[in-house]
C-alpha cells in the first residue's frame, strides 16, 4: 500500500481502505449503546490534581527523550534537543460549546503560560479533542511553527496563526525542524470535520518524528489497518510508539483501535516501547474510563510488549515504566 498522497473524491479526503466512519446511519444504535451503558465512564473520585515541576525543563533529558503527558493526545515531547507539543487541548470541554459536551477529568497539569519554549506544535486533525480553538488562540502571537495535515491550516489562520508559521503536510510529506529533526506525515484510518457539514474536507494524519538519535511515532487517531506494517517497514523501528487506546465502541471499530488493536499496531510498527494515549481524560465512549489501560496491561503481558505509562504532568524519561496513576 502507498504511504504517499491521500486520495480524494471531489473535496472529500478518503481513507486508504474502505472504512465505516460511524456516520448518521449509526447514530441511533450508538445512542442506544450510550443509554444502556452502565460502566463508570467518568471517575467517581476526582483525579489529581496533577502538577508539573517546570524547573525540570531547565535541564535537558539525560537520554535525549522525555515526555510530559498533559492529557488525552496532548503531549510535550522533548526529543534530541527539540520541544514539540502535540494536539494541544487545554479547554475544559471538547465541544463546539463551552457549556456542554465531554468535560475533562482533571485540570491540565501545566498552564499554557508556563510551557517551556517550543520548537513546533503538531496538530493531527480537526476534531475537537485534538484541535481546540481557545488553546490555538493563545499561540496566535507566540510565533511557534505549526505542522498539520492538509487543509487544517484554515482553522489555524481563522484563529490568528500567521500563514507563514503553518506547514501543511500530505501523507508522505516531510518537514525539518532545524537541521536534524525530520517530521513526516503518514496515513491514518479516521475521518475529519467539526460539524454537520464539511466532513472529510481536511486531512487526518499520524506522524513520524525522527531526531538525530531517536525515532518515534505519534499515532493520533486511527483504526487498525495493514498500513501500520508498511510504516514500520519504511520508517521503523521506533524507540517509542504513541498510540490511542481509548474511545472505542462496537459501532465504530474502523476508526478507533482500542487496546487490542493498538498493541497489534505497535508490533506492526516495530516499536520498542508503547505509550498509550487518548484515554483517561474525557468521556468519549461507552466503556469505563480506566478500562482501556487495564485491558492494555493484559494484552501487553500476553504479547510481550514493554509499556511507558507516565503520570500526567510528570516529565518522564522514556523507558519501560508503568506509573499506575489511575489506580490510586
C-alpha atoms as a PDB file:
ATOM      1  CA  UNK A   1       0.000   0.000   0.000  1.00  0.00           C
ATOM      2  CA  UNK A   2       1.157   3.535  -0.713  1.00  0.00           C
ATOM      3  CA  UNK A   3       2.370   5.796   2.076  1.00  0.00           C
ATOM      4  CA  UNK A   4       2.244   8.890  -0.109  1.00  0.00           C
ATOM      5  CA  UNK A   5      -0.553  11.162  -1.190  1.00  0.00           C
ATOM      6  CA  UNK A   6      -4.033  10.918   0.314  1.00  0.00           C
ATOM      7  CA  UNK A   7      -6.745  10.176  -2.240  1.00  0.00           C
ATOM      8  CA  UNK A   8      -9.717  12.489  -2.717  1.00  0.00           C
ATOM      9  CA  UNK A   9     -13.185  12.320  -4.214  1.00  0.00           C
ATOM     10  CA  UNK A  10     -14.134  15.872  -5.055  1.00  0.00           C
ATOM     11  CA  UNK A  11     -13.452  17.889  -1.885  1.00  0.00           C
ATOM     12  CA  UNK A  12     -13.503  14.814   0.335  1.00  0.00           C
ATOM     13  CA  UNK A  13     -10.376  13.034   1.530  1.00  0.00           C
ATOM     14  CA  UNK A  14     -10.601   9.243   1.520  1.00  0.00           C
ATOM     15  CA  UNK A  15      -9.253   6.591   3.837  1.00  0.00           C
ATOM     16  CA  UNK A  16      -6.607   4.225   2.412  1.00  0.00           C
ATOM     17  CA  UNK A  17      -9.020   1.272   2.689  1.00  0.00           C
ATOM     18  CA  UNK A  18     -12.835   1.111   2.860  1.00  0.00           C
ATOM     19  CA  UNK A  19     -13.875   2.448   6.259  1.00  0.00           C
ATOM     20  CA  UNK A  20     -17.147   2.683   8.186  1.00  0.00           C
ATOM     21  CA  UNK A  21     -16.877   6.133   9.755  1.00  0.00           C
ATOM     22  CA  UNK A  22     -19.936   5.655  12.024  1.00  0.00           C
ATOM     23  CA  UNK A  23     -21.934   8.397  10.321  1.00  0.00           C
ATOM     24  CA  UNK A  24     -25.619   9.282  10.558  1.00  0.00           C
ATOM     25  CA  UNK A  25     -26.692   5.722   9.808  1.00  0.00           C
ATOM     26  CA  UNK A  26     -25.098   4.539  13.058  1.00  0.00           C
ATOM     27  CA  UNK A  27     -26.455   7.382  15.205  1.00  0.00           C
ATOM     28  CA  UNK A  28     -29.444   5.524  16.688  1.00  0.00           C
ATOM     29  CA  UNK A  29     -27.568   2.328  17.681  1.00  0.00           C
ATOM     30  CA  UNK A  30     -24.694   4.443  19.075  1.00  0.00           C
ATOM     31  CA  UNK A  31     -27.147   6.478  21.185  1.00  0.00           C
ATOM     32  CA  UNK A  32     -28.741   3.246  22.433  1.00  0.00           C
ATOM     33  CA  UNK A  33     -25.300   1.914  23.329  1.00  0.00           C
ATOM     34  CA  UNK A  34     -24.640   5.034  25.410  1.00  0.00           C
ATOM     35  CA  UNK A  35     -28.094   4.932  27.026  1.00  0.00           C
ATOM     36  CA  UNK A  36     -27.840   1.274  28.049  1.00  0.00           C
ATOM     37  CA  UNK A  37     -24.254   1.590  29.215  1.00  0.00           C
ATOM     38  CA  UNK A  38     -23.690   1.031  32.957  1.00  0.00           C
ATOM     39  CA  UNK A  39     -19.913   1.452  33.081  1.00  0.00           C
ATOM     40  CA  UNK A  40     -18.143   4.116  35.139  1.00  0.00           C
ATOM     41  CA  UNK A  41     -17.477   6.379  32.152  1.00  0.00           C
ATOM     42  CA  UNK A  42     -16.452   9.292  34.375  1.00  0.00           C
ATOM     43  CA  UNK A  43     -14.350   8.680  37.509  1.00  0.00           C
ATOM     44  CA  UNK A  44     -16.424   8.756  40.691  1.00  0.00           C
ATOM     45  CA  UNK A  45     -13.353  10.000  42.542  1.00  0.00           C
ATOM     46  CA  UNK A  46     -11.759  13.276  41.444  1.00  0.00           C
ATOM     47  CA  UNK A  47      -8.462  12.630  39.670  1.00  0.00           C
ATOM     48  CA  UNK A  48      -5.386  14.641  40.535  1.00  0.00           C
ATOM     49  CA  UNK A  49      -4.613  17.390  40.879  1.00  0.00           C
ATOM     50  CA  UNK A  50      -1.522  16.813  38.787  1.00  0.00           C
ATOM     51  CA  UNK A  51       1.173  19.493  38.757  1.00  0.00           C
ATOM     52  CA  UNK A  52       4.252  19.812  36.565  1.00  0.00           C
ATOM     53  CA  UNK A  53       7.536  20.855  38.151  1.00  0.00           C
ATOM     54  CA  UNK A  54       8.546  23.285  35.403  1.00  0.00           C
ATOM     55  CA  UNK A  55      12.093  23.580  36.770  1.00  0.00           C
ATOM     56  CA  UNK A  56      12.735  20.138  35.268  1.00  0.00           C
ATOM     57  CA  UNK A  57      12.713  21.750  31.816  1.00  0.00           C
ATOM     58  CA  UNK A  58      15.814  23.741  32.743  1.00  0.00           C
ATOM     59  CA  UNK A  59      17.828  20.535  32.376  1.00  0.00           C
ATOM     60  CA  UNK A  60      17.754  18.575  29.103  1.00  0.00           C
ATOM     61  CA  UNK A  61      16.722  14.918  29.378  1.00  0.00           C
ATOM     62  CA  UNK A  62      19.728  12.713  30.059  1.00  0.00           C
ATOM     63  CA  UNK A  63      18.594  10.184  27.472  1.00  0.00           C
ATOM     64  CA  UNK A  64      17.609  12.823  24.923  1.00  0.00           C
ATOM     65  CA  UNK A  65      13.961  11.701  25.020  1.00  0.00           C
ATOM     66  CA  UNK A  66      11.461  12.873  27.643  1.00  0.00           C
ATOM     67  CA  UNK A  67       7.685  13.218  27.503  1.00  0.00           C
ATOM     68  CA  UNK A  68       5.204  15.092  29.657  1.00  0.00           C
ATOM     69  CA  UNK A  69       1.631  13.845  29.349  1.00  0.00           C
ATOM     70  CA  UNK A  70      -0.757  16.792  29.502  1.00  0.00           C
ATOM     71  CA  UNK A  71      -3.785  14.572  28.910  1.00  0.00           C
ATOM     72  CA  UNK A  72      -5.539  12.674  26.103  1.00  0.00           C
ATOM     73  CA  UNK A  73      -3.345  13.252  22.993  1.00  0.00           C
ATOM     74  CA  UNK A  74      -1.675  16.415  24.284  1.00  0.00           C
ATOM     75  CA  UNK A  75       1.989  15.608  24.860  1.00  0.00           C
ATOM     76  CA  UNK A  76       5.061  17.747  25.387  1.00  0.00           C
ATOM     77  CA  UNK A  77       7.796  15.806  23.623  1.00  0.00           C
ATOM     78  CA  UNK A  78      11.479  16.599  24.171  1.00  0.00           C
ATOM     79  CA  UNK A  79      13.485  14.765  21.539  1.00  0.00           C
ATOM     80  CA  UNK A  80      17.176  15.309  20.762  1.00  0.00           C
ATOM     81  CA  UNK A  81      17.164  18.990  21.682  1.00  0.00           C
ATOM     82  CA  UNK A  82      13.735  19.861  20.209  1.00  0.00           C
ATOM     83  CA  UNK A  83      10.455  20.505  22.037  1.00  0.00           C
ATOM     84  CA  UNK A  84       7.239  19.546  20.255  1.00  0.00           C
ATOM     85  CA  UNK A  85       3.689  19.897  21.564  1.00  0.00           C
ATOM     86  CA  UNK A  86       1.064  17.577  20.052  1.00  0.00           C
ATOM     87  CA  UNK A  87      -2.685  18.177  19.662  1.00  0.00           C
ATOM     88  CA  UNK A  88      -2.830  20.799  22.432  1.00  0.00           C
ATOM     89  CA  UNK A  89      -6.182  20.913  24.231  1.00  0.00           C
ATOM     90  CA  UNK A  90      -6.391  22.999  27.401  1.00  0.00           C
ATOM     91  CA  UNK A  91     -10.124  23.794  27.394  1.00  0.00           C
ATOM     92  CA  UNK A  92     -12.482  22.314  29.961  1.00  0.00           C
ATOM     93  CA  UNK A  93     -14.670  20.680  27.301  1.00  0.00           C
ATOM     94  CA  UNK A  94     -14.057  19.173  23.861  1.00  0.00           C
ATOM     95  CA  UNK A  95     -17.114  20.540  22.128  1.00  0.00           C
ATOM     96  CA  UNK A  96     -18.387  23.356  19.934  1.00  0.00           C
ATOM     97  CA  UNK A  97     -19.789  24.844  23.157  1.00  0.00           C
ATOM     98  CA  UNK A  98     -18.135  25.697  26.471  1.00  0.00           C
ATOM     99  CA  UNK A  99     -21.385  24.839  28.286  1.00  0.00           C
ATOM    100  CA  UNK A 100     -21.896  21.194  27.325  1.00  0.00           C
ATOM    101  CA  UNK A 101     -20.016  18.282  25.839  1.00  0.00           C
ATOM    102  CA  UNK A 102     -17.307  15.958  27.213  1.00  0.00           C
ATOM    103  CA  UNK A 103     -15.630  17.579  30.235  1.00  0.00           C
ATOM    104  CA  UNK A 104     -12.068  16.821  31.273  1.00  0.00           C
ATOM    105  CA  UNK A 105     -11.476  14.595  34.304  1.00  0.00           C
ATOM    106  CA  UNK A 106      -8.585  16.693  35.625  1.00  0.00           C
ATOM    107  CA  UNK A 107      -7.137  20.128  35.014  1.00  0.00           C
ATOM    108  CA  UNK A 108      -4.113  20.417  32.721  1.00  0.00           C
ATOM    109  CA  UNK A 109      -1.054  19.893  34.934  1.00  0.00           C
ATOM    110  CA  UNK A 110       0.750  22.896  33.469  1.00  0.00           C
ATOM    111  CA  UNK A 111      -0.618  26.294  32.474  1.00  0.00           C
ATOM    112  CA  UNK A 112      -0.111  27.382  28.867  1.00  0.00           C
ATOM    113  CA  UNK A 113       1.933  30.361  30.001  1.00  0.00           C
ATOM    114  CA  UNK A 114       4.257  28.055  31.971  1.00  0.00           C
ATOM    115  CA  UNK A 115       5.203  25.897  28.991  1.00  0.00           C
ATOM    116  CA  UNK A 116       8.890  25.996  28.076  1.00  0.00           C
ATOM    117  CA  UNK A 117       9.840  27.443  24.651  1.00  0.00           C
ATOM    118  CA  UNK A 118       8.524  25.261  21.834  1.00  0.00           C
ATOM    119  CA  UNK A 119      10.103  24.373  18.505  1.00  0.00           C
ATOM    120  CA  UNK A 120       6.833  23.228  16.933  1.00  0.00           C
ATOM    121  CA  UNK A 121       3.218  22.255  17.519  1.00  0.00           C
ATOM    122  CA  UNK A 122       1.755  19.251  15.687  1.00  0.00           C
ATOM    123  CA  UNK A 123      -1.995  19.164  15.006  1.00  0.00           C
ATOM    124  CA  UNK A 124      -3.028  15.771  13.633  1.00  0.00           C
ATOM    125  CA  UNK A 125      -6.608  16.587  12.562  1.00  0.00           C
ATOM    126  CA  UNK A 126      -9.501  18.923  13.262  1.00  0.00           C
ATOM    127  CA  UNK A 127     -11.698  17.059  15.765  1.00  0.00           C
ATOM    128  CA  UNK A 128     -12.492  18.997  18.934  1.00  0.00           C
ATOM    129  CA  UNK A 129     -10.461  16.715  21.200  1.00  0.00           C
ATOM    130  CA  UNK A 130      -7.356  17.368  19.077  1.00  0.00           C
ATOM    131  CA  UNK A 131      -7.860  20.903  17.756  1.00  0.00           C
ATOM    132  CA  UNK A 132      -9.009  23.340  20.450  1.00  0.00           C
ATOM    133  CA  UNK A 133      -9.869  26.868  19.355  1.00  0.00           C
ATOM    134  CA  UNK A 134      -9.121  28.598  22.659  1.00  0.00           C
ATOM    135  CA  UNK A 135      -5.768  26.872  23.028  1.00  0.00           C
ATOM    136  CA  UNK A 136      -4.756  27.743  19.465  1.00  0.00           C
ATOM    137  CA  UNK A 137      -5.740  31.390  20.011  1.00  0.00           C
ATOM    138  CA  UNK A 138      -3.295  31.538  22.919  1.00  0.00           C
ATOM    139  CA  UNK A 139      -0.462  30.841  20.454  1.00  0.00           C
ATOM    140  CA  UNK A 140      -1.611  33.460  17.929  1.00  0.00           C
ATOM    141  CA  UNK A 141       1.169  35.908  18.869  1.00  0.00           C
ATOM    142  CA  UNK A 142       3.783  33.387  20.030  1.00  0.00           C
ATOM    143  CA  UNK A 143       5.399  32.693  16.613  1.00  0.00           C
ATOM    144  CA  UNK A 144       5.569  28.935  17.150  1.00  0.00           C
ATOM    145  CA  UNK A 145       5.629  26.863  13.934  1.00  0.00           C
ATOM    146  CA  UNK A 146       2.595  24.628  13.378  1.00  0.00           C
ATOM    147  CA  UNK A 147       2.811  21.349  11.484  1.00  0.00           C
ATOM    148  CA  UNK A 148      -0.514  19.886  10.466  1.00  0.00           C
ATOM    149  CA  UNK A 149      -2.457  17.894   7.881  1.00  0.00           C
ATOM    150  CA  UNK A 150      -3.700  19.273   4.561  1.00  0.00           C
ATOM    151  CA  UNK A 151      -6.423  21.942   4.822  1.00  0.00           C
ATOM    152  CA  UNK A 152      -6.329  22.107   8.645  1.00  0.00           C
ATOM    153  CA  UNK A 153      -4.377  25.346   8.389  1.00  0.00           C
ATOM    154  CA  UNK A 154      -7.543  27.260   7.501  1.00  0.00           C
ATOM    155  CA  UNK A 155      -8.762  26.772  11.081  1.00  0.00           C
ATOM    156  CA  UNK A 156      -5.457  27.980  12.482  1.00  0.00           C
ATOM    157  CA  UNK A 157      -5.458  31.090  10.294  1.00  0.00           C
ATOM    158  CA  UNK A 158      -9.026  31.962  11.315  1.00  0.00           C
ATOM    159  CA  UNK A 159      -7.920  31.852  14.965  1.00  0.00           C
ATOM    160  CA  UNK A 160      -4.939  34.144  14.499  1.00  0.00           C
ATOM    161  CA  UNK A 161      -1.978  31.968  13.471  1.00  0.00           C
ATOM    162  CA  UNK A 162       0.006  33.606  10.676  1.00  0.00           C
ATOM    163  CA  UNK A 163       0.178  31.586   7.456  1.00  0.00           C
ATOM    164  CA  UNK A 164       3.960  31.648   7.332  1.00  0.00           C
ATOM    165  CA  UNK A 165       4.044  29.737  10.645  1.00  0.00           C
ATOM    166  CA  UNK A 166       1.919  26.895   9.248  1.00  0.00           C
ATOM    167  CA  UNK A 167       3.224  23.881   7.321  1.00  0.00           C
ATOM    168  CA  UNK A 168       0.555  21.558   5.917  1.00  0.00           C
ATOM    169  CA  UNK A 169       1.601  18.021   5.022  1.00  0.00           C
ATOM    170  CA  UNK A 170       0.067  15.381   2.798  1.00  0.00           C
ATOM    171  CA  UNK A 171       0.792  11.740   3.629  1.00  0.00           C
ATOM    172  CA  UNK A 172       4.414  11.113   2.775  1.00  0.00           C
ATOM    173  CA  UNK A 173       5.439  14.772   3.014  1.00  0.00           C
ATOM    174  CA  UNK A 174       8.199  15.797   5.414  1.00  0.00           C
ATOM    175  CA  UNK A 175       9.432  18.987   7.030  1.00  0.00           C
ATOM    176  CA  UNK A 176      12.548  19.761   9.045  1.00  0.00           C
ATOM    177  CA  UNK A 177      12.935  21.346  12.462  1.00  0.00           C
ATOM    178  CA  UNK A 178      16.400  22.824  12.344  1.00  0.00           C
ATOM    179  CA  UNK A 179      18.862  20.592  10.521  1.00  0.00           C
ATOM    180  CA  UNK A 180      18.482  17.365  12.477  1.00  0.00           C
ATOM    181  CA  UNK A 181      14.809  16.677  13.219  1.00  0.00           C
ATOM    182  CA  UNK A 182      12.555  15.371  10.471  1.00  0.00           C
ATOM    183  CA  UNK A 183       8.765  15.154  10.775  1.00  0.00           C
ATOM    184  CA  UNK A 184       6.823  13.067   8.262  1.00  0.00           C
ATOM    185  CA  UNK A 185       3.051  12.792   7.919  1.00  0.00           C
ATOM    186  CA  UNK A 186       1.899   9.199   7.462  1.00  0.00           C
ATOM    187  CA  UNK A 187      -1.547   7.697   6.801  1.00  0.00           C
ATOM    188  CA  UNK A 188      -4.196   7.123   9.449  1.00  0.00           C
ATOM    189  CA  UNK A 189      -7.612   5.465   9.217  1.00  0.00           C
ATOM    190  CA  UNK A 190     -10.010   8.030  10.597  1.00  0.00           C
ATOM    191  CA  UNK A 191     -12.113  10.998   9.422  1.00  0.00           C
ATOM    192  CA  UNK A 192     -12.427  14.749   9.992  1.00  0.00           C
ATOM    193  CA  UNK A 193     -14.892  17.573  10.463  1.00  0.00           C
ATOM    194  CA  UNK A 194     -16.151  19.905  13.171  1.00  0.00           C
ATOM    195  CA  UNK A 195     -19.866  19.923  12.374  1.00  0.00           C
ATOM    196  CA  UNK A 196     -22.669  18.554  10.239  1.00  0.00           C
ATOM    197  CA  UNK A 197     -21.144  19.983   7.068  1.00  0.00           C
ATOM    198  CA  UNK A 198     -17.547  19.851   5.860  1.00  0.00           C
ATOM    199  CA  UNK A 199     -16.917  16.237   6.842  1.00  0.00           C
ATOM    200  CA  UNK A 200     -13.599  14.884   5.490  1.00  0.00           C
ATOM    201  CA  UNK A 201     -12.653  18.156   3.781  1.00  0.00           C
ATOM    202  CA  UNK A 202      -9.489  18.311   5.883  1.00  0.00           C
ATOM    203  CA  UNK A 203      -6.936  15.514   6.193  1.00  0.00           C
ATOM    204  CA  UNK A 204      -6.085  13.363   9.233  1.00  0.00           C
ATOM    205  CA  UNK A 205      -2.572  12.014   9.784  1.00  0.00           C
ATOM    206  CA  UNK A 206      -0.143  10.215  12.021  1.00  0.00           C
ATOM    207  CA  UNK A 207       3.446  11.465  12.315  1.00  0.00           C
ATOM    208  CA  UNK A 208       6.972  10.073  12.344  1.00  0.00           C
ATOM    209  CA  UNK A 209       9.330  12.250  14.396  1.00  0.00           C
ATOM    210  CA  UNK A 210      12.996  11.445  13.794  1.00  0.00           C
ATOM    211  CA  UNK A 211      15.765  13.266  15.630  1.00  0.00           C
ATOM    212  CA  UNK A 212      19.492  12.743  15.346  1.00  0.00           C
ATOM    213  CA  UNK A 213      19.318   9.872  17.852  1.00  0.00           C
ATOM    214  CA  UNK A 214      15.688   8.911  18.468  1.00  0.00           C
ATOM    215  CA  UNK A 215      12.844   7.839  16.182  1.00  0.00           C
ATOM    216  CA  UNK A 216       9.256   7.962  17.490  1.00  0.00           C
ATOM    217  CA  UNK A 217       5.707   7.579  16.135  1.00  0.00           C
ATOM    218  CA  UNK A 218       2.728   9.757  17.104  1.00  0.00           C
ATOM    219  CA  UNK A 219      -0.351   7.830  16.024  1.00  0.00           C
ATOM    220  CA  UNK A 220      -3.033  10.412  16.882  1.00  0.00           C
ATOM    221  CA  UNK A 221      -6.417   8.837  15.936  1.00  0.00           C
ATOM    222  CA  UNK A 222      -6.684   5.755  13.750  1.00  0.00           C
ATOM    223  CA  UNK A 223      -8.436   2.465  13.385  1.00  0.00           C
ATOM    224  CA  UNK A 224      -6.412  -0.649  12.674  1.00  0.00           C
ATOM    225  CA  UNK A 225      -5.211  -1.118   9.097  1.00  0.00           C
ATOM    226  CA  UNK A 226      -2.384  -3.042   7.415  1.00  0.00           C
ATOM    227  CA  UNK A 227      -0.525   0.188   6.597  1.00  0.00           C
ATOM    228  CA  UNK A 228       0.929   0.165  10.125  1.00  0.00           C
ATOM    229  CA  UNK A 229       3.180  -2.631   8.866  1.00  0.00           C
ATOM    230  CA  UNK A 230       4.179  -0.529   5.839  1.00  0.00           C
ATOM    231  CA  UNK A 231       5.004   2.420   8.097  1.00  0.00           C
ATOM    232  CA  UNK A 232       7.100   0.152  10.289  1.00  0.00           C
ATOM    233  CA  UNK A 233       8.954  -1.216   7.276  1.00  0.00           C
ATOM    234  CA  UNK A 234       9.603   2.245   5.811  1.00  0.00           C
ATOM    235  CA  UNK A 235      10.290   4.320   8.938  1.00  0.00           C
ATOM    236  CA  UNK A 236      10.836   1.919  11.849  1.00  0.00           C
ATOM    237  CA  UNK A 237      11.951   0.563  14.134  1.00  0.00           C
ATOM    238  CA  UNK A 238      10.642   3.120  16.632  1.00  0.00           C
ATOM    239  CA  UNK A 239      12.057   3.833  20.074  1.00  0.00           C
ATOM    240  CA  UNK A 240       8.504   4.738  21.111  1.00  0.00           C
ATOM    241  CA  UNK A 241       5.044   4.440  19.605  1.00  0.00           C
ATOM    242  CA  UNK A 242       2.308   6.718  20.987  1.00  0.00           C
ATOM    243  CA  UNK A 243      -0.973   5.019  20.144  1.00  0.00           C
ATOM    244  CA  UNK A 244      -4.614   5.642  21.034  1.00  0.00           C
ATOM    245  CA  UNK A 245      -6.248   3.001  23.228  1.00  0.00           C
ATOM    246  CA  UNK A 246      -9.447   4.774  24.317  1.00  0.00           C
ATOM    247  CA  UNK A 247     -12.779   5.886  22.861  1.00  0.00           C
ATOM    248  CA  UNK A 248     -13.723   2.603  21.230  1.00  0.00           C
ATOM    249  CA  UNK A 249     -17.178   1.125  20.736  1.00  0.00           C
ATOM    250  CA  UNK A 250     -18.860  -1.750  18.922  1.00  0.00           C
ATOM    251  CA  UNK A 251     -20.297   0.559  16.256  1.00  0.00           C
ATOM    252  CA  UNK A 252     -17.069   2.275  15.207  1.00  0.00           C
ATOM    253  CA  UNK A 253     -14.300  -0.353  15.111  1.00  0.00           C
ATOM    254  CA  UNK A 254     -12.850   1.046  11.874  1.00  0.00           C
ATOM    255  CA  UNK A 255     -11.895   4.486  13.230  1.00  0.00           C
ATOM    256  CA  UNK A 256     -10.587   3.762  16.764  1.00  0.00           C
ATOM    257  CA  UNK A 257      -8.432   0.806  17.718  1.00  0.00           C
ATOM    258  CA  UNK A 258      -8.910   0.040  21.376  1.00  0.00           C
ATOM    259  CA  UNK A 259      -6.128  -1.617  23.369  1.00  0.00           C
ATOM    260  CA  UNK A 260      -6.035  -4.931  21.490  1.00  0.00           C
ATOM    261  CA  UNK A 261      -5.565  -3.464  18.011  1.00  0.00           C
ATOM    262  CA  UNK A 262      -3.349  -0.672  19.356  1.00  0.00           C
ATOM    263  CA  UNK A 263      -0.956  -3.270  20.750  1.00  0.00           C
ATOM    264  CA  UNK A 264      -1.080  -5.055  17.383  1.00  0.00           C
ATOM    265  CA  UNK A 265      -0.261  -1.741  15.676  1.00  0.00           C
ATOM    266  CA  UNK A 266       2.732  -1.284  17.977  1.00  0.00           C
ATOM    267  CA  UNK A 267       4.091  -4.662  16.917  1.00  0.00           C
ATOM    268  CA  UNK A 268       3.438  -3.958  13.238  1.00  0.00           C
ATOM    269  CA  UNK A 269       5.261  -0.634  13.559  1.00  0.00           C
ATOM    270  CA  UNK A 270       8.330  -2.378  15.024  1.00  0.00           C
ATOM    271  CA  UNK A 271       8.029  -0.393  18.242  1.00  0.00           C
ATOM    272  CA  UNK A 272      10.362  -0.943  21.175  1.00  0.00           C
ATOM    273  CA  UNK A 273       8.197   0.832  23.787  1.00  0.00           C
ATOM    274  CA  UNK A 274       4.499   1.687  23.616  1.00  0.00           C
ATOM    275  CA  UNK A 275       2.875   4.738  25.218  1.00  0.00           C
ATOM    276  CA  UNK A 276      -0.933   4.577  25.420  1.00  0.00           C
ATOM    277  CA  UNK A 277      -2.649   7.899  24.675  1.00  0.00           C
ATOM    278  CA  UNK A 278      -6.234   9.102  24.086  1.00  0.00           C
ATOM    279  CA  UNK A 279      -7.637   7.676  27.322  1.00  0.00           C
ATOM    280  CA  UNK A 280      -8.321   8.737  30.905  1.00  0.00           C
ATOM    281  CA  UNK A 281      -9.080  12.407  30.188  1.00  0.00           C
ATOM    282  CA  UNK A 282     -12.539  12.691  28.579  1.00  0.00           C
ATOM    283  CA  UNK A 283     -15.680  10.549  28.459  1.00  0.00           C
ATOM    284  CA  UNK A 284     -15.900   9.861  24.726  1.00  0.00           C
ATOM    285  CA  UNK A 285     -17.147   6.267  24.556  1.00  0.00           C
ATOM    286  CA  UNK A 286     -19.357   3.719  26.358  1.00  0.00           C
ATOM    287  CA  UNK A 287     -16.634   2.000  28.340  1.00  0.00           C
ATOM    288  CA  UNK A 288     -15.279   2.540  31.840  1.00  0.00           C
ATOM    289  CA  UNK A 289     -12.799   5.389  31.914  1.00  0.00           C
ATOM    290  CA  UNK A 290      -9.938   3.124  33.058  1.00  0.00           C
ATOM    291  CA  UNK A 291     -10.895   0.038  31.035  1.00  0.00           C
ATOM    292  CA  UNK A 292      -8.503   0.831  28.146  1.00  0.00           C
ATOM    293  CA  UNK A 293      -5.386   0.829  30.306  1.00  0.00           C
ATOM    294  CA  UNK A 294      -6.425  -2.216  32.331  1.00  0.00           C
ATOM    295  CA  UNK A 295      -7.048  -4.167  29.130  1.00  0.00           C
ATOM    296  CA  UNK A 296      -3.775  -2.943  27.623  1.00  0.00           C
ATOM    297  CA  UNK A 297      -1.821  -4.229  30.624  1.00  0.00           C
ATOM    298  CA  UNK A 298      -3.242  -7.684  29.927  1.00  0.00           C
ATOM    299  CA  UNK A 299      -2.523  -7.564  26.193  1.00  0.00           C
ATOM    300  CA  UNK A 300       0.983  -6.229  26.750  1.00  0.00           C
ATOM    301  CA  UNK A 301       1.783  -9.152  29.023  1.00  0.00           C
ATOM    302  CA  UNK A 302       0.355 -11.643  26.511  1.00  0.00           C
ATOM    303  CA  UNK A 303       2.203 -10.078  23.562  1.00  0.00           C
ATOM    304  CA  UNK A 304       5.466  -9.287  25.388  1.00  0.00           C
ATOM    305  CA  UNK A 305       5.159  -5.521  24.891  1.00  0.00           C
ATOM    306  CA  UNK A 306       7.040  -3.050  27.106  1.00  0.00           C
ATOM    307  CA  UNK A 307       4.959  -0.048  28.165  1.00  0.00           C
ATOM    308  CA  UNK A 308       5.732   3.560  29.025  1.00  0.00           C
ATOM    309  CA  UNK A 309       2.827   4.940  31.093  1.00  0.00           C
ATOM    310  CA  UNK A 310       3.828   8.145  32.922  1.00  0.00           C
ATOM    311  CA  UNK A 311       1.660  10.090  35.344  1.00  0.00           C
ATOM    312  CA  UNK A 312       0.022  13.203  33.877  1.00  0.00           C
ATOM    313  CA  UNK A 313       2.219  16.264  34.298  1.00  0.00           C
ATOM    314  CA  UNK A 314       5.425  14.434  35.194  1.00  0.00           C
ATOM    315  CA  UNK A 315       8.281  14.985  32.711  1.00  0.00           C
ATOM    316  CA  UNK A 316       9.436  11.394  32.328  1.00  0.00           C
ATOM    317  CA  UNK A 317      12.488   9.951  30.620  1.00  0.00           C
ATOM    318  CA  UNK A 318      11.286   7.377  28.109  1.00  0.00           C
ATOM    319  CA  UNK A 319      11.943   3.873  29.398  1.00  0.00           C
ATOM    320  CA  UNK A 320       9.932   0.852  30.497  1.00  0.00           C
ATOM    321  CA  UNK A 321       7.706   2.324  33.201  1.00  0.00           C
ATOM    322  CA  UNK A 322       4.129   1.928  34.445  1.00  0.00           C
ATOM    323  CA  UNK A 323       3.177   4.615  36.963  1.00  0.00           C
ATOM    324  CA  UNK A 324      -0.241   3.197  37.911  1.00  0.00           C
ATOM    325  CA  UNK A 325      -1.568   6.738  38.456  1.00  0.00           C
ATOM    326  CA  UNK A 326      -5.153   5.773  37.556  1.00  0.00           C
ATOM    327  CA  UNK A 327      -5.395   3.194  40.352  1.00  0.00           C
ATOM    328  CA  UNK A 328      -4.522   5.322  43.370  1.00  0.00           C
END
